[in-house]
Amino acid sequence: MTESTLWFEPKLLIDGKLVDADGGATYESSNPASEELVGTSPDATVADAETAIAAARRAFDTTDWSTNKELRARCLKQLVAALNKHSDEMRALTVAEVGVPVSLTQGPALDAAVKILDFYADLAGTYDGNEDLGVVDTQAGPAHRWVEKEAYGVVAAISAYNYPNQLNLAKLGPALAAGCTVVLKGSPFTPLVTLALGHLIANETDFPPGVVNILASSSPEVGKVMTTDPQVDMITFTGSTPVGKAIMAAASDTLKKCFLELGGKSAYLVLDDESVEFASLFCSFAAGSHSGQGCAITSRLVVPRASLDKAVETVKSTFEGFNVGDPSDPGNYMGPLITAEQQAKVQGMVDRAVAAGATVVTGGKPPEGLDKGHFFAPTLIVGASEDSEIARDEIFGPVLVVLPHDGDDDAVRIANDSPFGLSGAVHSADRERSLAVARRIRSGTMSVDGGMYYAPDAPFGGYKQSGIGREMGVAGMEEFLQAKTIAVPAPPQ
């Protein structure tokens, strides 16, 4: 896909209208595999952000959006239908702009993301968070009390580049289902995928003006406005932990609620009664998925010390069998990293690991034969210390570190010896043993013996510096609701 074949005209969505950026500013979006132009996006300004926030505030305060369940469910269903209608166009655009392998668009990169939106469209019409607390005697006499759930208000949503459809819809879906109004800003690296949502909302749904506003911008000042404007009640952000910390600090002056889905350095534990070859194969495919550009990817393989050589050989042969190249080719398992800067970051971390004494078993550099694009070969590292940068910091590239353990307690210690706690996995021939270990890992999601937790109804989020709050599931919608306790006089008992 190139600019000449883009299926819609990229515009910002502000107060129900598709518009250019204030002053007509634009910036280019390129294909990370070919480095060719995908399209030109309007480059939203601070003034655009302020207008969008004001529109969201007005829509929340002066319309019945927050109380009209039927309208919310209908509009969300219309957006689901529009995304399904244009799935071929969205698929091609996602592959071209994000660099995600086309096979992943049949899962979390697109199709599964639409299912998340459909889940919240259904939930919008059925959810009842009210709780009757009954009658109690008080100093003022008998009182009947109950709890009602209300929409939080205006939400500033900021998403990342790696799975923009999944992240955008996992924010829009529950926020809108709850009755909030939203200003969504996508990643500056993937503006067109996000602006396509605005095009569909404006042309194929009945969302009232101001309920959904969608921005694209290369300026960090736009994000700053979204996180500090007093008209914004809540922030939902997906991205790196350092940026999440900065957002939390910026929001503190107005005490906005912050819902943060941040980084990870998840561990894949293999216990000593399991086939290390099978588990290592499983982990290899996870580590290489979308070239390692996933916050929940297991990037530490923790294996019994006696089985270290078998694990290394399995990962090595698996990695060297991966096809790396054009993500639109279904035969390629891995595509590019998002930018040349990210490619250089991954290279720098690998080089520093080697300088510190670790060994690159395979990979460690861009693959040969790919002259264009930001590709990086699947990389296996051994001999890194547990406290090294490569073993502790999020890489966001296809780099797997193998670490030895000396029993279940040691494996748990290694897994928990991290500032992050987003995900993880454990494999054993004994299910109860696996579960016992999994329950000791301080992370928000765990795969046990190959079980898959990812689904629209399953809450996702992390412990420690992996974030605050949960995305998806009923819990994901409740993040956007506030509880109000009401009491009325009651007849004497």
Protein backbone atom coordinates (compact mmCIF):
# COMPACT_ATOMS: atom_id res chain seq x y z
CA MET A 1 0.00 0.00 0.00
CA THR A 2 1.24 3.48 -0.91
CA GLU A 3 -0.24 6.95 -0.65
CA SER A 4 -1.79 6.59 -4.10
CA THR A 5 -3.73 3.51 -2.99
CA LEU A 6 -4.81 4.69 0.48
CA TRP A 7 -8.52 3.91 0.76
CA PHE A 8 -9.57 7.02 2.69
CA GLU A 9 -8.51 10.65 3.03
CA PRO A 10 -6.74 11.01 6.39
CA LYS A 11 -8.40 13.65 8.57
CA LEU A 12 -8.68 14.40 12.26
CA LEU A 13 -12.06 13.71 13.85
CA ILE A 14 -13.02 16.65 16.07
CA ASP A 15 -16.53 17.38 17.31
CA GLY A 16 -18.11 15.10 14.72
CA LYS A 17 -16.27 16.58 11.73
CA LEU A 18 -13.36 15.30 9.65
CA VAL A 19 -10.90 18.19 9.48
CA ASP A 20 -7.33 19.10 8.63
CA ALA A 21 -4.93 20.07 11.37
CA ASP A 22 -4.97 23.69 12.49
CA GLY A 23 -2.83 25.58 10.00
CA GLY A 24 -2.74 22.63 7.60
CA ALA A 25 0.34 20.95 9.09
CA THR A 26 1.05 17.37 7.92
CA TYR A 27 3.65 14.66 8.38
CA GLU A 28 4.53 11.48 6.54
CA SER A 29 4.06 7.88 7.62
CA SER A 30 6.39 5.29 6.10
CA ASN A 31 6.36 1.53 5.70
CA PRO A 32 8.94 0.08 8.14
CA ALA A 33 9.61 -2.86 5.82
CA SER A 34 10.16 -0.96 2.55
CA GLU A 35 10.74 2.58 3.88
CA GLU A 36 8.28 3.81 1.24
CA LEU A 37 5.63 6.42 1.92
CA VAL A 38 2.34 4.96 3.12
CA GLY A 39 0.49 8.24 3.45
CA THR A 40 0.44 11.77 4.77
CA SER A 41 -1.32 12.50 8.03
CA PRO A 42 -2.62 15.76 9.43
CA ASP A 43 -0.32 16.83 12.26
CA ALA A 44 -2.57 17.95 15.11
CA THR A 45 -1.55 21.00 17.10
CA VAL A 46 -2.13 22.03 20.69
CA ALA A 47 -5.10 24.08 19.44
CA ASP A 48 -6.59 20.95 17.86
CA ALA A 49 -6.19 19.04 21.10
CA GLU A 50 -7.85 21.82 23.07
CA THR A 51 -10.76 21.93 20.63
CA ALA A 52 -11.17 18.15 20.81
CA ILE A 53 -11.11 18.17 24.62
CA ALA A 54 -13.68 20.97 24.74
CA ALA A 55 -15.91 18.99 22.37
CA ALA A 56 -15.64 15.87 24.51
CA ARG A 57 -16.42 17.90 27.62
CA ARG A 58 -19.48 19.44 26.02
CA ALA A 59 -20.73 16.07 24.74
CA PHE A 60 -20.40 14.53 28.17
CA ASP A 61 -21.97 17.43 30.08
CA THR A 62 -24.83 18.40 27.76
CA THR A 63 -26.01 15.22 25.97
CA ASP A 64 -27.55 11.96 27.17
CA TRP A 65 -24.59 9.88 25.98
CA SER A 66 -23.58 8.89 29.53
CA THR A 67 -27.09 7.63 30.37
CA ASN A 68 -28.37 6.28 27.04
CA LYS A 69 -27.37 2.62 27.00
CA GLU A 70 -29.30 1.86 23.82
CA LEU A 71 -27.51 4.61 21.88
CA ARG A 72 -24.11 3.51 23.12
CA ALA A 73 -24.70 -0.13 22.19
CA ARG A 74 -26.05 0.82 18.75
CA CYS A 75 -23.12 3.09 17.90
CA LEU A 76 -20.55 0.53 19.00
CA LYS A 77 -22.27 -2.19 16.95
CA GLN A 78 -22.22 0.13 13.94
CA LEU A 79 -18.47 0.60 14.35
CA VAL A 80 -18.00 -3.17 14.60
CA ALA A 81 -19.96 -3.59 11.37
CA ALA A 82 -17.92 -0.87 9.64
CA LEU A 83 -14.63 -2.47 10.68
CA ASN A 84 -15.79 -5.86 9.44
CA LYS A 85 -16.98 -4.31 6.18
CA HIS A 86 -13.58 -2.70 5.63
CA SER A 87 -11.47 -5.50 7.08
CA ASP A 88 -9.48 -6.03 3.86
CA GLU A 89 -8.55 -2.35 3.70
CA MET A 90 -7.74 -2.20 7.42
CA ARG A 91 -5.64 -5.37 7.13
CA ALA A 92 -3.55 -4.01 4.26
CA LEU A 93 -3.09 -0.66 5.99
CA THR A 94 -2.07 -2.29 9.28
CA VAL A 95 0.55 -4.47 7.58
CA ALA A 96 1.90 -1.53 5.58
CA GLU A 97 2.10 1.03 8.38
CA VAL A 98 2.82 -1.15 11.42
CA GLY A 99 4.96 -3.80 9.73
CA VAL A 100 3.08 -6.56 11.51
CA PRO A 101 3.04 -9.92 9.71
CA VAL A 102 -0.25 -10.43 7.90
CA SER A 103 -0.91 -13.64 9.84
CA LEU A 104 -1.13 -11.64 13.08
CA THR A 105 -3.94 -9.51 11.62
CA GLN A 106 -6.09 -12.62 11.91
CA GLY A 107 -5.48 -12.35 15.66
CA PRO A 108 -4.62 -9.44 17.95
CA ALA A 109 -3.42 -7.11 15.22
CA LEU A 110 -6.96 -6.75 13.78
CA ASP A 111 -9.62 -9.49 13.85
CA ALA A 112 -9.37 -10.23 17.58
CA ALA A 113 -9.32 -6.50 18.27
CA VAL A 114 -12.68 -6.08 16.56
CA LYS A 115 -14.03 -8.88 18.75
CA ILE A 116 -12.99 -6.83 21.79
CA LEU A 117 -15.10 -3.94 20.52
CA ASP A 118 -18.02 -6.31 19.89
CA PHE A 119 -17.73 -7.61 23.47
CA TYR A 120 -18.14 -4.07 24.81
CA ALA A 121 -20.95 -3.30 22.40
CA ASP A 122 -22.87 -6.17 24.00
CA LEU A 123 -21.82 -5.17 27.51
CA ALA A 124 -22.93 -1.57 26.96
CA GLY A 125 -26.57 -2.65 26.81
CA THR A 126 -26.55 -5.22 29.59
CA TYR A 127 -24.17 -4.06 32.32
CA ASP A 128 -25.75 -3.09 35.62
CA GLY A 129 -23.22 -2.20 38.28
CA ASN A 130 -25.80 -1.13 40.86
CA GLU A 131 -25.62 -2.76 44.28
CA ASP A 132 -28.40 -2.66 46.86
CA LEU A 133 -27.01 -2.25 50.37
CA GLY A 134 -30.41 -2.60 52.04
CA VAL A 135 -31.81 -0.68 55.00
CA VAL A 136 -29.84 0.18 58.10
CA ASP A 137 -30.54 2.22 61.21
CA THR A 138 -28.61 5.48 61.33
CA GLN A 139 -28.48 8.46 63.68
CA ALA A 140 -30.94 10.14 61.32
CA GLY A 141 -33.28 7.17 61.27
CA PRO A 142 -33.64 4.16 58.94
CA ALA A 143 -31.99 4.63 55.53
CA HIS A 144 -32.11 2.63 52.34
CA ARG A 145 -28.74 2.75 50.59
CA TRP A 146 -27.49 1.58 47.25
CA VAL A 147 -24.50 2.06 44.93
CA GLU A 148 -24.79 3.25 41.35
CA LYS A 149 -22.01 3.23 38.74
CA GLU A 150 -21.53 6.38 36.65
CA ALA A 151 -19.29 7.18 33.70
CA TYR A 152 -16.00 8.71 34.77
CA GLY A 153 -16.23 11.62 32.32
CA VAL A 154 -13.85 12.83 29.62
CA VAL A 155 -11.10 10.33 28.83
CA ALA A 156 -7.76 11.10 27.18
CA ALA A 157 -6.60 7.89 25.48
CA ILE A 158 -3.05 7.52 24.18
CA SER A 159 -1.98 4.30 22.48
CA ALA A 160 1.23 2.72 21.22
CA TYR A 161 2.41 1.60 17.79
CA ASN A 162 2.87 -2.15 18.13
CA TYR A 163 -0.78 -3.28 18.02
CA PRO A 164 -2.66 -0.04 17.29
CA ASN A 165 -6.00 -1.64 16.42
CA GLN A 166 -6.00 -3.75 19.57
CA LEU A 167 -4.91 -0.84 21.77
CA ASN A 168 -7.25 1.73 20.23
CA LEU A 169 -10.31 -0.53 20.45
CA ALA A 170 -9.46 -1.82 23.92
CA LYS A 171 -9.58 1.82 25.04
CA LEU A 172 -12.48 3.13 22.96
CA GLY A 173 -14.69 0.08 23.55
CA PRO A 174 -14.93 0.09 27.35
CA ALA A 175 -14.72 3.87 27.72
CA LEU A 176 -17.60 4.45 25.31
CA ALA A 177 -19.60 1.49 26.63
CA ALA A 178 -19.30 3.00 30.11
CA GLY A 179 -20.69 6.32 28.87
CA CYS A 180 -17.49 8.34 28.75
CA THR A 181 -16.47 10.65 25.93
CA VAL A 182 -13.00 10.22 24.47
CA VAL A 183 -10.11 12.03 22.84
CA LEU A 184 -7.89 9.34 21.29
CA LYS A 185 -4.37 9.98 20.06
CA GLY A 186 -2.57 7.17 18.30
CA SER A 187 1.16 6.66 18.10
CA PRO A 188 3.01 9.18 15.90
CA PHE A 189 4.48 6.16 14.09
CA THR A 190 1.09 4.70 13.09
CA PRO A 191 -1.27 7.67 12.57
CA LEU A 192 -3.15 6.33 9.57
CA VAL A 193 -4.46 3.18 11.27
CA THR A 194 -5.90 5.37 14.02
CA LEU A 195 -7.33 7.99 11.65
CA ALA A 196 -9.08 5.22 9.72
CA LEU A 197 -11.23 4.72 12.81
CA GLY A 198 -12.22 8.37 12.68
CA HIS A 199 -13.19 8.01 9.03
CA LEU A 200 -15.44 5.05 9.82
CA ILE A 201 -16.99 6.70 12.87
CA ALA A 202 -17.80 9.86 10.93
CA ASN A 203 -19.23 8.11 7.88
CA GLU A 204 -20.77 4.87 9.10
CA THR A 205 -21.98 5.38 12.68
CA ASP A 206 -24.38 7.54 14.70
CA PHE A 207 -21.91 8.65 17.37
CA PRO A 208 -23.00 12.16 18.43
CA PRO A 209 -20.54 15.01 17.77
CA GLY A 210 -17.82 15.25 20.38
CA VAL A 211 -18.31 11.77 21.84
CA VAL A 212 -15.28 10.41 19.96
CA ASN A 213 -12.42 12.67 18.86
CA ILE A 214 -9.38 11.23 17.12
CA LEU A 215 -6.04 12.95 16.71
CA ALA A 216 -2.71 12.18 15.10
CA SER A 217 0.33 14.26 15.93
CA SER A 218 4.11 14.19 15.85
CA SER A 219 4.29 16.74 18.67
CA PRO A 220 4.73 15.67 22.31
CA GLU A 221 3.00 18.93 23.26
CA VAL A 222 -0.33 17.47 22.14
CA GLY A 223 0.04 14.59 24.57
CA LYS A 224 1.03 17.05 27.28
CA VAL A 225 -2.21 18.99 26.81
CA MET A 226 -4.23 15.77 26.95
CA THR A 227 -2.64 14.79 30.27
CA THR A 228 -2.85 18.19 31.96
CA ASP A 229 -6.05 19.87 30.73
CA PRO A 230 -8.42 20.24 33.72
CA GLN A 231 -11.39 19.30 31.51
CA VAL A 232 -10.01 15.76 31.21
CA ASP A 233 -11.12 13.45 34.02
CA MET A 234 -9.11 10.34 33.25
CA ILE A 235 -6.11 9.15 31.23
CA THR A 236 -5.62 5.72 29.69
CA PHE A 237 -2.15 5.17 28.26
CA THR A 238 -0.29 2.24 26.74
CA GLY A 239 3.44 2.57 26.24
CA SER A 240 6.76 2.49 28.01
CA THR A 241 7.13 2.66 31.77
CA PRO A 242 9.25 5.88 31.72
CA VAL A 243 6.57 7.68 29.69
CA GLY A 244 3.87 6.26 31.97
CA LYS A 245 5.66 7.70 34.98
CA ALA A 246 5.87 11.10 33.28
CA ILE A 247 2.15 11.01 32.48
CA MET A 248 1.30 10.11 36.06
CA ALA A 249 3.38 13.05 37.30
CA ALA A 250 1.79 15.43 34.79
CA ALA A 251 -1.70 14.32 35.81
CA SER A 252 -1.05 14.82 39.51
CA ASP A 253 -1.79 18.55 39.54
CA THR A 254 -5.42 17.90 38.66
CA LEU A 255 -5.58 14.45 40.31
CA LYS A 256 -6.74 12.70 37.15
CA LYS A 257 -7.26 8.98 37.33
CA CYS A 258 -4.44 7.23 35.45
CA PHE A 259 -4.95 3.83 33.85
CA LEU A 260 -1.53 2.72 32.64
CA GLU A 261 -0.57 -0.38 30.64
CA LEU A 262 3.21 -0.28 30.55
CA GLY A 263 6.29 -2.40 29.96
CA GLY A 264 7.21 -5.97 30.68
CA LYS A 265 10.12 -8.38 30.96
CA SER A 266 8.17 -11.57 31.33
CA ALA A 267 9.73 -14.90 32.25
CA TYR A 268 8.99 -18.30 30.74
CA LEU A 269 9.72 -20.92 33.42
CA VAL A 270 10.44 -24.55 32.53
CA LEU A 271 10.40 -26.91 35.52
CA ASP A 272 12.66 -29.94 35.74
CA ASP A 273 9.96 -32.53 34.97
CA GLU A 274 9.00 -31.00 31.60
CA SER A 275 10.49 -31.50 28.15
CA VAL A 276 12.75 -28.50 27.82
CA GLU A 277 12.77 -28.90 24.03
CA PHE A 278 8.98 -28.51 23.75
CA ALA A 279 8.79 -25.55 26.11
CA SER A 280 11.78 -23.83 24.50
CA LEU A 281 10.17 -24.20 21.08
CA PHE A 282 6.97 -22.64 22.45
CA CYS A 283 8.93 -19.75 23.98
CA SER A 284 10.92 -19.18 20.78
CA PHE A 285 7.78 -18.50 18.77
CA ALA A 286 6.50 -16.16 21.48
CA ALA A 287 9.77 -14.22 21.62
CA GLY A 288 9.84 -13.73 17.85
CA SER A 289 6.19 -12.74 17.51
CA HIS A 290 5.89 -9.34 15.79
CA SER A 291 9.68 -9.11 16.09
CA GLY A 292 9.43 -8.94 19.87
CA GLN A 293 7.33 -5.79 19.80
CA GLY A 294 4.90 -6.81 22.49
CA CYS A 295 4.78 -5.77 26.12
CA ALA A 296 3.64 -9.21 27.33
CA ILE A 297 6.13 -11.26 25.30
CA THR A 298 8.18 -13.74 27.35
CA SER A 299 11.73 -12.49 26.73
CA ARG A 300 13.45 -14.46 29.54
CA LEU A 301 13.57 -18.24 29.22
CA VAL A 302 14.37 -19.74 32.64
CA VAL A 303 15.33 -23.42 32.43
CA PRO A 304 16.83 -26.07 34.72
CA ARG A 305 20.61 -25.68 34.82
CA ALA A 306 21.09 -29.29 33.70
CA SER A 307 18.94 -28.64 30.60
CA LEU A 308 20.52 -25.34 29.58
CA ASP A 309 22.38 -26.74 26.56
CA LYS A 310 19.24 -28.49 25.23
CA ALA A 311 17.22 -25.28 25.58
CA VAL A 312 19.87 -23.23 23.80
CA GLU A 313 20.08 -25.68 20.91
CA THR A 314 16.29 -25.77 20.53
CA VAL A 315 15.96 -21.99 20.48
CA LYS A 316 18.90 -21.62 18.12
CA SER A 317 17.50 -24.02 15.54
CA THR A 318 14.01 -22.53 15.86
CA PHE A 319 15.21 -18.95 15.45
CA GLU A 320 17.34 -19.85 12.45
CA GLY A 321 14.28 -21.39 10.83
CA PHE A 322 12.20 -18.22 11.03
CA ASN A 323 11.53 -16.45 7.74
CA VAL A 324 12.16 -12.72 8.17
CA GLY A 325 11.03 -10.25 5.54
CA ASP A 326 8.07 -8.56 3.88
CA PRO A 327 5.22 -8.74 6.42
CA SER A 328 2.62 -8.93 3.65
CA ASP A 329 4.03 -12.32 2.65
CA PRO A 330 2.18 -15.02 4.68
CA GLY A 331 5.34 -17.14 4.56
CA ASN A 332 7.28 -14.71 6.72
CA TYR A 333 7.02 -15.15 10.49
CA MET A 334 8.79 -11.90 11.36
CA GLY A 335 8.62 -8.43 9.85
CA PRO A 336 10.54 -5.26 10.70
CA LEU A 337 10.92 -3.14 13.80
CA ILE A 338 8.93 0.08 13.65
CA THR A 339 11.77 2.57 13.01
CA ALA A 340 15.48 2.81 12.35
CA GLU A 341 15.81 4.31 15.83
CA GLN A 342 14.24 1.22 17.42
CA GLN A 343 16.52 -1.00 15.33
CA ALA A 344 19.52 0.96 16.62
CA LYS A 345 18.25 0.70 20.21
CA VAL A 346 18.02 -3.08 20.00
CA GLN A 347 21.46 -3.29 18.39
CA GLY A 348 22.91 -1.12 21.15
CA MET A 349 21.47 -3.31 23.91
CA VAL A 350 22.82 -6.46 22.28
CA ASP A 351 26.26 -4.91 21.79
CA ARG A 352 26.40 -3.78 25.43
CA ALA A 353 25.40 -7.26 26.58
CA VAL A 354 28.29 -8.78 24.62
CA ALA A 355 30.69 -6.19 26.00
CA ALA A 356 29.54 -7.17 29.50
CA GLY A 357 30.37 -10.84 28.90
CA ALA A 358 27.22 -12.36 27.37
CA THR A 359 27.30 -14.46 24.20
CA VAL A 360 25.14 -14.13 21.09
CA VAL A 361 24.35 -17.67 19.99
CA THR A 362 22.47 -16.60 16.86
CA GLY A 363 21.30 -13.31 15.40
CA GLY A 364 22.51 -10.15 17.09
CA LYS A 365 22.28 -7.98 13.98
CA PRO A 366 20.04 -7.20 10.98
CA PRO A 367 19.62 -10.24 8.74
CA GLU A 368 21.60 -10.40 5.53
CA GLY A 369 19.88 -9.80 2.20
CA LEU A 370 17.40 -7.19 3.40
CA ASP A 371 18.80 -3.89 2.19
CA LYS A 372 15.74 -1.83 3.09
CA GLY A 373 13.59 -1.82 6.17
CA HIS A 374 14.25 -1.92 9.89
CA PHE A 375 14.71 -5.67 10.30
CA PHE A 376 16.55 -7.44 13.11
CA ALA A 377 17.34 -11.14 13.22
CA PRO A 378 15.88 -13.26 16.03
CA THR A 379 18.58 -13.18 18.67
CA LEU A 380 19.52 -15.66 21.39
CA ILE A 381 21.73 -14.56 24.27
CA VAL A 382 23.31 -16.72 26.96
CA GLY A 383 25.73 -15.98 29.75
CA ALA A 384 24.10 -12.71 30.79
CA SER A 385 23.95 -12.02 34.49
CA GLU A 386 20.49 -11.84 36.07
CA ASP A 387 21.00 -8.17 36.95
CA SER A 388 22.27 -7.10 33.52
CA GLU A 389 20.48 -4.62 31.30
CA ILE A 390 19.67 -7.27 28.69
CA ALA A 391 18.09 -9.52 31.34
CA ARG A 392 16.13 -6.83 33.20
CA ASP A 393 15.10 -4.07 30.77
CA GLU A 394 12.39 -4.19 28.16
CA ILE A 395 13.95 -4.46 24.70
CA PHE A 396 10.98 -4.40 22.31
CA GLY A 397 12.91 -6.44 19.82
CA PRO A 398 13.33 -10.17 18.97
CA VAL A 399 15.87 -10.90 21.71
CA LEU A 400 15.55 -13.87 24.07
CA VAL A 401 17.81 -14.29 27.10
CA VAL A 402 18.20 -17.82 28.53
CA LEU A 403 18.89 -18.07 32.26
CA PRO A 404 19.48 -21.24 34.34
CA HIS A 405 17.64 -22.04 37.57
CA ASP A 406 18.27 -24.49 40.39
CA GLY A 407 14.77 -25.61 41.29
CA ASP A 408 11.27 -24.19 41.65
CA ASP A 409 12.13 -21.68 44.37
CA ASP A 410 15.05 -20.34 42.38
CA ALA A 411 12.93 -20.11 39.21
CA VAL A 412 10.29 -18.10 41.07
CA ARG A 413 12.99 -15.84 42.49
CA ILE A 414 14.40 -15.13 39.04
CA ALA A 415 10.97 -14.46 37.56
CA ASN A 416 10.08 -12.02 40.34
CA ASP A 417 13.48 -10.31 40.31
CA SER A 418 12.23 -7.63 37.93
CA PRO A 419 10.67 -4.19 38.19
CA PHE A 420 7.96 -5.49 35.87
CA GLY A 421 5.09 -7.91 36.37
CA LEU A 422 2.97 -7.99 33.25
CA SER A 423 2.90 -11.60 32.13
CA GLY A 424 4.70 -14.93 32.27
CA ALA A 425 4.47 -18.64 31.64
CA VAL A 426 5.30 -21.89 33.40
CA HIS A 427 5.57 -25.43 32.04
CA SER A 428 5.59 -28.67 34.04
CA ALA A 429 4.38 -32.21 33.50
CA ASP A 430 2.43 -31.80 36.75
CA ARG A 431 -0.46 -29.33 36.39
CA GLU A 432 -0.76 -28.70 40.13
CA ARG A 433 2.95 -28.00 40.34
CA SER A 434 2.67 -25.54 37.46
CA LEU A 435 -0.25 -23.79 39.12
CA ALA A 436 1.56 -23.61 42.45
CA VAL A 437 4.52 -21.89 40.79
CA ALA A 438 2.29 -19.62 38.67
CA ARG A 439 0.52 -18.36 41.80
CA ARG A 440 3.86 -17.27 43.24
CA ILE A 441 4.75 -15.13 40.21
CA ARG A 442 3.91 -11.46 40.69
CA SER A 443 2.36 -10.75 37.32
CA GLY A 444 -1.07 -9.87 36.02
CA THR A 445 -1.39 -12.72 33.52
CA MET A 446 0.11 -16.22 33.42
CA SER A 447 0.08 -18.97 30.83
CA VAL A 448 0.17 -22.37 32.51
CA ASP A 449 1.26 -25.39 30.46
CA GLY A 450 0.47 -23.56 27.23
CA GLY A 451 -2.90 -22.08 28.18
CA MET A 452 -3.85 -18.86 26.38
CA TYR A 453 -5.33 -16.07 28.52
CA TYR A 454 -5.89 -13.53 25.73
CA ALA A 455 -9.60 -13.01 25.00
CA PRO A 456 -12.07 -10.08 25.12
CA ASP A 457 -13.53 -11.22 28.45
CA ALA A 458 -10.18 -11.73 30.21
CA PRO A 459 -8.73 -8.77 32.16
CA PHE A 460 -5.19 -7.83 31.14
CA GLY A 461 -2.71 -5.70 33.06
CA GLY A 462 0.31 -5.80 35.29
CA TYR A 463 1.82 -5.68 38.74
CA LYS A 464 4.61 -3.37 39.89
CA GLN A 465 5.96 -1.06 37.16
CA SER A 466 3.97 -2.80 34.43
CA GLY A 467 1.04 -0.51 35.10
CA ILE A 468 -2.10 0.36 36.99
CA GLY A 469 -5.53 -1.07 36.17
CA ARG A 470 -6.90 -3.74 33.88
CA GLU A 471 -7.85 -3.69 30.22
CA MET A 472 -10.54 -5.94 28.68
CA GLY A 473 -13.22 -7.96 30.39
CA VAL A 474 -15.87 -6.49 32.68
CA ALA A 475 -13.00 -5.13 34.78
CA GLY A 476 -11.86 -3.14 31.75
CA MET A 477 -15.17 -1.28 31.58
CA GLU A 478 -15.31 -0.73 35.31
CA GLU A 479 -12.06 1.23 35.05
CA PHE A 480 -14.15 3.93 33.35
CA LEU A 481 -16.89 3.99 35.98
CA GLN A 482 -17.19 5.68 39.37
CA ALA A 483 -19.25 4.47 42.31
CA LYS A 484 -21.85 6.75 43.86
CA THR A 485 -23.53 5.77 47.13
CA ILE A 486 -27.10 7.04 47.54
CA ALA A 487 -29.29 6.96 50.65
CA VAL A 488 -32.97 7.80 51.12
CA PRO A 489 -35.10 7.67 54.26
CA ALA A 490 -36.74 4.30 54.80
CA PRO A 491 -39.86 3.32 56.74
CA PRO A 492 -39.14 2.11 60.25
CA GLN A 493 -38.38 -1.62 60.37
